[in-house]
């Protein structure tokens, strides 16, 4: 039996608690307030959407505001790994505060204004004055995203890792409102034994997964593990496991499923799937690249701190897949290739050193997680092999900023 021990971290410093905290001038992502305490407020009333309107979505979207009204942006660093809960308490119950939470990635503020990044949590529901219009994240709640209109005031608690950076944007639908108090809690989860988490598979939306060879596109017999949250380590116990070239399960709107697919001779791959209310049947194809000599495989969802070789914690699941790929193919050795984004620029020493160091950072992670150093080598390419020499979007810039592994 798995024993879960929760230690609640609320690192509270309430200096100046009787003065309203300023929020005016922080309505854009680029001017986010940096939270250093877990209580902020009471605040001033937010006023306007800032210099740019960063959201323009469908009225029933679960992920974005239809538009910004009276907005404040925050950023914060997670102090301890575990579960994050949040409560936003308005000063007056007639105010209707909505929120979105995003995990930081390189070039985040540019990406969010172009709609190229999804939040990890949202709540855009109508305010419930019976609970003083409070909103936030709570343990035990099932929905990670709540669309506008009548709905749950609290979304599901968020699993976080120490050192991760997040952005929180808060929007009051009504003008001339009052402020609020924001409270963050971080519960450290310690496990004494492993146990199998549960997943209901009892929803009304079918999810059909098929596994194929990335080159031939033919169906592959493989092992598929299903997780209820991002697998934090290579030893994370799945909620369910299936064998075969296809998997069919039932799910519910708002659920996020994670499928880790593996087969000897191939790279391990994890896919994350969000089930939407508008879906009748969800079909997902997973293409496994073969681990054969000369084959290059891009390590997807690998992110670094901007202009540094520091791996962001959000990248751990992708690196775990690489560890498992090498452990399940013990005869394979690889070259780790580092690339950076530097359009219309020569390959400077800075670009070269950065690509070298990012490749070495991945190598060091693999060695620390049990891969023999003799199977690994690295090579940095600076900006000499950009997929998009003249990128037109943050997505294309991100494709240039990558790490690939080549089977030797």
Protein backbone atom coordinates (compact mmCIF):
# COMPACT_ATOMS: atom_id res chain seq x y z
CA UNK A 1 0.00 0.00 0.00
CA UNK A 2 1.34 3.42 -0.92
CA UNK A 3 1.53 5.84 1.98
CA UNK A 4 1.24 9.49 1.03
CA UNK A 5 2.60 12.03 3.46
CA UNK A 6 1.76 15.66 2.75
CA UNK A 7 3.78 18.52 4.18
CA UNK A 8 2.13 21.88 3.51
CA UNK A 9 4.41 24.75 2.53
CA UNK A 10 2.86 28.19 2.88
CA UNK A 11 5.90 30.42 3.12
CA UNK A 12 4.01 33.48 4.26
CA UNK A 13 5.49 36.92 4.70
CA UNK A 14 2.69 39.42 5.31
CA UNK A 15 4.70 42.63 5.41
CA UNK A 16 2.44 45.59 4.72
CA UNK A 17 -0.67 43.43 4.77
CA UNK A 18 -2.97 46.38 5.34
CA UNK A 19 -1.82 48.27 2.21
CA UNK A 20 -3.23 47.28 -1.14
CA UNK A 21 -0.73 45.48 -3.36
CA UNK A 22 -0.21 47.24 -6.69
CA UNK A 23 -1.34 45.53 -9.90
CA UNK A 24 -1.78 48.47 -12.29
CA UNK A 25 0.81 48.34 -15.07
CA UNK A 26 1.08 44.55 -14.99
CA UNK A 27 -1.67 43.64 -17.47
CA UNK A 28 0.71 42.14 -20.06
CA UNK A 29 2.78 38.95 -19.84
CA UNK A 30 6.00 40.89 -20.39
CA UNK A 31 5.35 42.95 -17.23
CA UNK A 32 4.26 40.09 -14.94
CA UNK A 33 4.54 40.61 -11.18
CA UNK A 34 7.12 38.22 -9.71
CA UNK A 35 5.63 36.49 -6.67
CA UNK A 36 8.14 35.87 -3.89
CA UNK A 37 5.57 35.01 -1.19
CA UNK A 38 2.63 32.63 -1.29
CA UNK A 39 0.14 35.31 -0.22
CA UNK A 40 -0.36 38.42 -2.34
CA UNK A 41 -2.99 40.95 -1.41
CA UNK A 42 -5.35 42.43 -0.88
CA UNK A 43 -4.63 44.00 -4.25
CA UNK A 44 -5.77 47.05 -6.09
CA UNK A 45 -8.55 46.51 -8.63
CA UNK A 46 -7.10 45.56 -12.04
CA UNK A 47 -8.00 48.05 -14.75
CA UNK A 48 -7.82 47.27 -18.48
CA UNK A 49 -5.95 44.72 -20.59
CA UNK A 50 -2.62 46.53 -20.97
CA UNK A 51 -0.79 47.42 -24.15
CA UNK A 52 -1.95 44.40 -26.17
CA UNK A 53 -5.00 42.13 -26.19
CA UNK A 54 -3.26 38.77 -25.63
CA UNK A 55 -6.33 36.52 -25.93
CA UNK A 56 -9.02 36.20 -28.57
CA UNK A 57 -10.85 32.89 -28.25
CA UNK A 58 -14.20 31.23 -28.76
CA UNK A 59 -16.75 32.07 -26.07
CA UNK A 60 -16.91 28.43 -24.92
CA UNK A 61 -13.15 27.84 -24.90
CA UNK A 62 -11.85 25.93 -21.87
CA UNK A 63 -8.30 27.22 -22.37
CA UNK A 64 -8.42 30.96 -23.04
CA UNK A 65 -10.42 34.06 -22.16
CA UNK A 66 -12.72 35.18 -24.95
CA UNK A 67 -10.87 38.45 -24.47
CA UNK A 68 -9.06 40.28 -21.71
CA UNK A 69 -11.07 42.74 -19.64
CA UNK A 70 -9.20 43.79 -16.48
CA UNK A 71 -6.08 41.69 -16.26
CA UNK A 72 -3.02 41.03 -14.09
CA UNK A 73 -0.09 38.70 -14.89
CA UNK A 74 2.08 36.96 -12.29
CA UNK A 75 5.08 34.65 -12.45
CA UNK A 76 6.48 32.38 -9.73
CA UNK A 77 9.06 29.66 -9.12
CA UNK A 78 7.88 26.44 -7.45
CA UNK A 79 9.61 26.11 -4.02
CA UNK A 80 9.03 22.37 -3.53
CA UNK A 81 7.83 19.42 -5.61
CA UNK A 82 4.33 18.13 -4.93
CA UNK A 83 0.76 19.39 -5.35
CA UNK A 84 -0.04 23.05 -5.82
CA UNK A 85 -3.42 24.45 -4.74
CA UNK A 86 -4.56 28.05 -5.05
CA UNK A 87 -7.33 30.29 -3.79
CA UNK A 88 -8.33 33.69 -5.14
CA UNK A 89 -10.59 35.59 -2.72
CA UNK A 90 -12.31 38.69 -4.16
CA UNK A 91 -12.87 41.75 -1.97
CA UNK A 92 -16.47 41.90 -3.23
CA UNK A 93 -18.54 38.93 -4.37
CA UNK A 94 -20.03 40.60 -7.46
CA UNK A 95 -16.59 40.56 -9.17
CA UNK A 96 -16.08 37.62 -11.55
CA UNK A 97 -12.40 36.62 -11.59
CA UNK A 98 -11.17 34.01 -14.10
CA UNK A 99 -7.64 32.60 -14.36
CA UNK A 100 -5.23 30.67 -16.59
CA UNK A 101 -1.98 28.99 -15.44
CA UNK A 102 0.84 28.31 -17.91
CA UNK A 103 4.11 26.42 -17.51
CA UNK A 104 6.98 28.62 -18.70
CA UNK A 105 8.79 27.77 -21.92
CA UNK A 106 11.44 29.63 -23.87
CA UNK A 107 9.88 32.64 -25.58
CA UNK A 108 6.68 32.15 -23.60
CA UNK A 109 5.21 35.67 -23.76
CA UNK A 110 5.55 35.77 -27.55
CA UNK A 111 3.98 32.31 -27.82
CA UNK A 112 0.97 33.06 -25.63
CA UNK A 113 -0.05 36.14 -27.60
CA UNK A 114 0.03 34.10 -30.82
CA UNK A 115 -2.03 31.26 -29.27
CA UNK A 116 0.78 28.70 -29.65
CA UNK A 117 0.80 27.50 -26.04
CA UNK A 118 -1.96 25.92 -23.94
CA UNK A 119 -2.44 26.47 -20.21
CA UNK A 120 -1.98 23.63 -17.72
CA UNK A 121 -5.02 24.82 -15.72
CA UNK A 122 -7.90 27.20 -16.33
CA UNK A 123 -11.15 28.30 -14.76
CA UNK A 124 -13.40 30.67 -16.72
CA UNK A 125 -16.65 29.71 -15.00
CA UNK A 126 -19.31 32.17 -13.86
CA UNK A 127 -18.73 33.44 -10.34
CA UNK A 128 -20.63 31.71 -7.53
CA UNK A 129 -21.65 34.37 -5.03
CA UNK A 130 -22.73 31.70 -2.52
CA UNK A 131 -18.99 31.09 -1.88
CA UNK A 132 -18.12 34.81 -2.19
CA UNK A 133 -17.01 34.24 -5.81
CA UNK A 134 -13.86 32.44 -4.75
CA UNK A 135 -11.97 30.44 -7.36
CA UNK A 136 -8.69 28.52 -7.70
CA UNK A 137 -7.27 24.99 -7.55
CA UNK A 138 -8.32 22.29 -5.07
CA UNK A 139 -7.34 18.72 -4.33
CA UNK A 140 -10.08 16.22 -5.15
CA UNK A 141 -11.48 18.24 -8.04
CA UNK A 142 -11.51 16.33 -11.33
CA UNK A 143 -11.54 19.04 -14.02
CA UNK A 144 -8.28 20.62 -15.11
CA UNK A 145 -10.08 23.13 -17.38
CA UNK A 146 -13.47 24.80 -16.83
CA UNK A 147 -15.12 26.80 -19.63
CA UNK A 148 -17.18 29.98 -19.33
CA UNK A 149 -20.76 29.95 -18.05
CA UNK A 150 -22.10 27.91 -15.10
CA UNK A 151 -19.50 25.44 -13.82
CA UNK A 152 -17.20 24.43 -11.00
CA UNK A 153 -15.43 27.36 -9.32
CA UNK A 154 -12.31 25.32 -8.53
CA UNK A 155 -10.15 23.32 -10.93
CA UNK A 156 -7.96 20.31 -10.16
CA UNK A 157 -4.77 20.76 -8.09
CA UNK A 158 -1.57 20.86 -10.15
CA UNK A 159 1.40 18.52 -9.78
CA UNK A 160 4.58 20.62 -9.87
CA UNK A 161 8.34 20.18 -9.53
CA UNK A 162 10.78 22.33 -7.59
CA UNK A 163 12.40 25.01 -9.73
CA UNK A 164 9.69 25.14 -12.39
CA UNK A 165 8.47 28.56 -13.45
CA UNK A 166 4.80 29.29 -14.06
CA UNK A 167 2.75 32.23 -15.27
CA UNK A 168 -0.69 33.05 -13.81
CA UNK A 169 -3.04 35.51 -15.49
CA UNK A 170 -6.13 36.76 -13.64
CA UNK A 171 -9.01 38.60 -15.35
CA UNK A 172 -12.04 40.37 -13.88
CA UNK A 173 -14.91 40.44 -16.35
CA UNK A 174 -16.44 43.54 -14.74
CA UNK A 175 -14.97 47.08 -14.74
CA UNK A 176 -14.61 49.24 -11.65
CA UNK A 177 -14.36 46.23 -9.39
CA UNK A 178 -12.31 45.74 -6.29
CA UNK A 179 -9.18 43.71 -5.69
CA UNK A 180 -8.56 40.26 -4.23
CA UNK A 181 -6.16 38.18 -2.17
CA UNK A 182 -4.19 35.40 -3.85
CA UNK A 183 -3.01 32.40 -1.80
CA UNK A 184 -0.75 29.61 -3.10
CA UNK A 185 -0.08 26.34 -1.25
CA UNK A 186 2.56 23.73 -2.11
CA UNK A 187 2.13 20.28 -0.56
CA UNK A 188 5.24 18.12 -0.62
CA UNK A 189 4.36 14.50 -1.40
CA UNK A 190 6.61 11.74 -0.10
CA UNK A 191 5.99 8.10 -0.98
CA UNK A 192 7.11 5.21 1.22
CA UNK A 193 6.04 2.47 -1.20
CA UNK A 194 4.86 2.25 -4.77
CA UNK A 195 1.27 1.50 -5.59
CA UNK A 196 -0.79 1.57 -8.72
CA UNK A 197 -2.83 4.75 -9.22
CA UNK A 198 -6.38 4.29 -10.39
CA UNK A 199 -8.12 5.59 -13.47
CA UNK A 200 -11.83 5.13 -14.10
CA UNK A 201 -12.01 4.64 -17.91
CA UNK A 202 -15.73 5.17 -17.43
CA UNK A 203 -16.45 8.26 -19.52
CA UNK A 204 -18.58 8.55 -22.63
CA UNK A 205 -15.87 9.61 -25.13
CA UNK A 206 -13.97 6.75 -26.83
CA UNK A 207 -10.20 7.19 -27.20
CA UNK A 208 -8.58 5.04 -29.90
CA UNK A 209 -4.79 4.79 -29.90
CA UNK A 210 -2.83 3.10 -32.70
CA UNK A 211 0.92 2.45 -32.76
CA UNK A 212 2.87 2.54 -36.01
CA UNK A 213 6.44 2.38 -37.30
CA UNK A 214 7.57 5.97 -37.95
CA UNK A 215 9.14 5.02 -41.31
CA UNK A 216 6.91 2.33 -42.80
CA UNK A 217 3.66 3.53 -41.13
CA UNK A 218 2.79 -0.12 -40.50
CA UNK A 219 1.07 -1.16 -37.26
CA UNK A 220 3.37 -2.29 -34.45
CA UNK A 221 2.74 -4.61 -31.51
CA UNK A 222 3.92 -2.63 -28.48
CA UNK A 223 3.41 -1.98 -24.77
CA UNK A 224 1.28 1.04 -23.87
CA UNK A 225 1.26 2.42 -20.33
CA UNK A 226 -1.37 4.98 -19.27
CA UNK A 227 -0.59 7.60 -16.60
CA UNK A 228 -2.86 9.98 -14.70
CA UNK A 229 -0.08 12.60 -14.44
CA UNK A 230 3.27 13.23 -16.10
CA UNK A 231 5.57 10.31 -15.13
CA UNK A 232 8.15 12.00 -12.92
CA UNK A 233 10.67 9.13 -13.03
CA UNK A 234 11.38 6.09 -15.17
CA UNK A 235 9.97 4.00 -12.31
CA UNK A 236 6.62 5.81 -12.06
CA UNK A 237 3.87 3.19 -11.83
CA UNK A 238 1.25 3.44 -14.60
CA UNK A 239 -2.49 3.40 -13.97
CA UNK A 240 -2.99 0.78 -16.68
CA UNK A 241 -0.98 -1.24 -19.20
CA UNK A 242 -1.97 -2.69 -22.57
CA UNK A 243 -0.35 -4.93 -25.20
CA UNK A 244 -1.00 -4.74 -28.92
CA UNK A 245 -1.01 -2.38 -31.89
CA UNK A 246 -4.10 -0.51 -30.73
CA UNK A 247 -5.74 0.55 -27.47
CA UNK A 248 -9.38 1.59 -26.96
CA UNK A 249 -10.50 3.19 -23.69
CA UNK A 250 -13.32 5.45 -22.50
CA UNK A 251 -12.65 8.94 -21.17
CA UNK A 252 -14.43 12.13 -20.11
CA UNK A 253 -14.22 15.73 -21.28
CA UNK A 254 -11.43 17.63 -19.56
CA UNK A 255 -9.31 14.55 -18.80
CA UNK A 256 -5.65 14.55 -19.79
CA UNK A 257 -4.26 11.11 -20.61
CA UNK A 258 -0.59 10.26 -21.01
CA UNK A 259 0.40 7.24 -23.08
CA UNK A 260 3.95 5.86 -22.88
CA UNK A 261 4.58 3.43 -25.74
CA UNK A 262 7.59 1.12 -25.94
CA UNK A 263 8.89 -1.74 -28.05
CA UNK A 264 12.38 -3.31 -28.12
CA UNK A 265 14.33 -1.96 -31.09
CA UNK A 266 12.44 1.35 -31.01
CA UNK A 267 12.61 4.63 -29.11
CA UNK A 268 10.18 5.06 -26.21
CA UNK A 269 7.62 7.81 -26.78
CA UNK A 270 5.12 9.49 -24.46
CA UNK A 271 2.12 11.36 -25.88
CA UNK A 272 -0.19 13.63 -23.89
CA UNK A 273 -3.84 13.86 -24.96
CA UNK A 274 -6.49 16.32 -23.81
CA UNK A 275 -10.07 15.06 -24.24
CA UNK A 276 -12.38 17.90 -25.28
CA UNK A 277 -16.13 18.15 -24.72
CA UNK A 278 -16.64 18.61 -28.47
CA UNK A 279 -14.97 15.26 -29.27
CA UNK A 280 -17.14 12.34 -30.40
CA UNK A 281 -14.25 9.89 -30.79
CA UNK A 282 -10.60 10.76 -30.20
CA UNK A 283 -8.07 9.05 -32.47
CA UNK A 284 -4.35 9.29 -31.73
CA UNK A 285 -1.56 7.75 -33.79
CA UNK A 286 1.81 7.22 -32.14
CA UNK A 287 4.76 6.80 -34.51
CA UNK A 288 7.76 5.01 -32.98
CA UNK A 289 11.17 5.66 -34.60
CA UNK A 290 13.39 2.63 -34.97
CA UNK A 291 16.70 2.73 -33.09
CA UNK A 292 18.88 1.75 -36.05
CA UNK A 293 22.32 2.96 -37.07
CA UNK A 294 22.33 6.41 -38.63
CA UNK A 295 18.77 7.20 -37.52
CA UNK A 296 18.26 10.65 -35.97
CA UNK A 297 15.53 11.13 -33.38
CA UNK A 298 14.53 14.58 -32.11
CA UNK A 299 13.98 14.79 -28.36
CA UNK A 300 10.58 16.50 -28.25
CA UNK A 301 9.33 18.67 -25.36
CA UNK A 302 12.89 19.38 -24.19
CA UNK A 303 13.22 22.94 -22.87
CA UNK A 304 16.09 24.97 -21.45
CA UNK A 305 16.29 28.22 -19.51
CA UNK A 306 16.63 31.00 -22.07
CA UNK A 307 20.19 31.33 -23.42
CA UNK A 308 21.45 28.79 -20.85
CA UNK A 309 22.21 25.08 -20.76
CA UNK A 310 19.95 24.54 -17.72
CA UNK A 311 17.25 21.94 -18.39
CA UNK A 312 13.79 22.99 -17.22
CA UNK A 313 12.00 20.48 -14.95
CA UNK A 314 9.11 20.26 -17.45
CA UNK A 315 11.55 18.38 -19.72
CA UNK A 316 12.00 15.46 -17.31
CA UNK A 317 9.32 13.19 -18.90
CA UNK A 318 10.98 13.57 -22.34
CA UNK A 319 14.41 12.78 -20.92
CA UNK A 320 12.97 9.80 -19.03
CA UNK A 321 11.76 8.47 -22.39
CA UNK A 322 15.33 8.73 -23.70
CA UNK A 323 16.68 6.91 -20.64
CA UNK A 324 14.13 4.11 -21.14
CA UNK A 325 14.93 3.94 -24.87
CA UNK A 326 18.59 3.28 -24.07
CA UNK A 327 17.85 0.86 -21.24
CA UNK A 328 15.51 -1.19 -23.45
CA UNK A 329 18.10 -1.21 -26.25
CA UNK A 330 21.36 -1.99 -24.38
CA UNK A 331 23.37 -2.52 -27.59
CA UNK A 332 22.69 1.00 -28.85
CA UNK A 333 25.12 3.93 -28.56
CA UNK A 334 24.18 7.49 -29.49
CA UNK A 335 25.56 10.89 -30.46
CA UNK A 336 23.72 13.82 -28.85
CA UNK A 337 23.46 16.79 -31.23
CA UNK A 338 22.79 20.28 -29.83
CA UNK A 339 21.30 23.10 -31.94
CA UNK A 340 20.36 26.74 -31.24
CA UNK A 341 18.19 29.36 -32.94
CA UNK A 342 20.17 32.23 -34.49
CA UNK A 343 18.53 33.44 -37.71
CA UNK A 344 20.48 35.81 -39.98
CA UNK A 345 23.48 35.61 -37.67
CA UNK A 346 26.93 34.04 -38.06
CA UNK A 347 27.71 31.02 -35.91
CA UNK A 348 29.30 32.96 -33.07
CA UNK A 349 31.37 31.49 -30.28
CA UNK A 350 28.40 32.09 -27.96
CA UNK A 351 26.06 30.04 -30.18
CA UNK A 352 28.61 27.24 -30.48
CA UNK A 353 29.30 27.08 -26.74
CA UNK A 354 25.58 27.13 -25.94
CA UNK A 355 24.84 24.23 -28.30
CA UNK A 356 27.84 22.31 -26.90
CA UNK A 357 26.72 22.81 -23.32
CA UNK A 358 23.10 21.87 -24.00
CA UNK A 359 24.20 18.61 -25.63
CA UNK A 360 26.47 17.91 -22.65
CA UNK A 361 23.64 18.69 -20.21
CA UNK A 362 21.55 15.93 -21.82
CA UNK A 363 24.52 13.54 -21.70
CA UNK A 364 25.03 14.27 -18.00
CA UNK A 365 21.35 13.59 -17.28
CA UNK A 366 21.59 10.19 -18.99
CA UNK A 367 24.75 9.25 -17.06
CA UNK A 368 23.14 10.32 -13.77
CA UNK A 369 20.21 8.02 -14.56
CA UNK A 370 22.21 4.87 -15.18
CA UNK A 371 23.39 5.03 -18.81
CA UNK A 372 27.06 4.09 -19.25
CA UNK A 373 29.14 7.03 -20.45
CA UNK A 374 30.87 4.81 -23.02
CA UNK A 375 27.59 4.62 -24.98
CA UNK A 376 27.30 8.38 -25.27
CA UNK A 377 29.01 11.17 -27.20
CA UNK A 378 27.98 14.71 -28.06
CA UNK A 379 28.37 17.38 -30.71
CA UNK A 380 27.22 21.01 -30.80
CA UNK A 381 26.31 22.65 -34.10
CA UNK A 382 25.58 26.24 -33.06
CA UNK A 383 23.08 27.72 -35.51
CA UNK A 384 24.51 26.01 -38.60
CA UNK A 385 21.71 23.43 -39.02
CA UNK A 386 18.50 25.36 -38.35
CA UNK A 387 15.36 23.70 -39.70
CA UNK A 388 13.96 27.18 -40.38
CA UNK A 389 16.75 29.61 -41.37
CA UNK A 390 14.21 32.47 -41.35
CA UNK A 391 11.61 31.51 -38.73
CA UNK A 392 8.28 33.33 -38.90
CA UNK A 393 6.87 32.17 -35.56
CA UNK A 394 7.94 31.07 -32.10
CA UNK A 395 7.04 27.50 -33.08
CA UNK A 396 9.55 27.60 -35.96
CA UNK A 397 12.18 29.20 -33.69
CA UNK A 398 11.54 26.42 -31.18
CA UNK A 399 12.13 23.80 -33.89
CA UNK A 400 15.56 25.35 -34.50
CA UNK A 401 16.30 25.27 -30.76
CA UNK A 402 16.48 21.49 -30.37
CA UNK A 403 18.43 18.40 -29.30
CA UNK A 404 18.63 15.30 -31.53
CA UNK A 405 20.11 11.88 -30.86
CA UNK A 406 21.74 9.83 -33.60
CA UNK A 407 22.21 6.08 -33.30
CA UNK A 408 25.84 5.14 -33.91
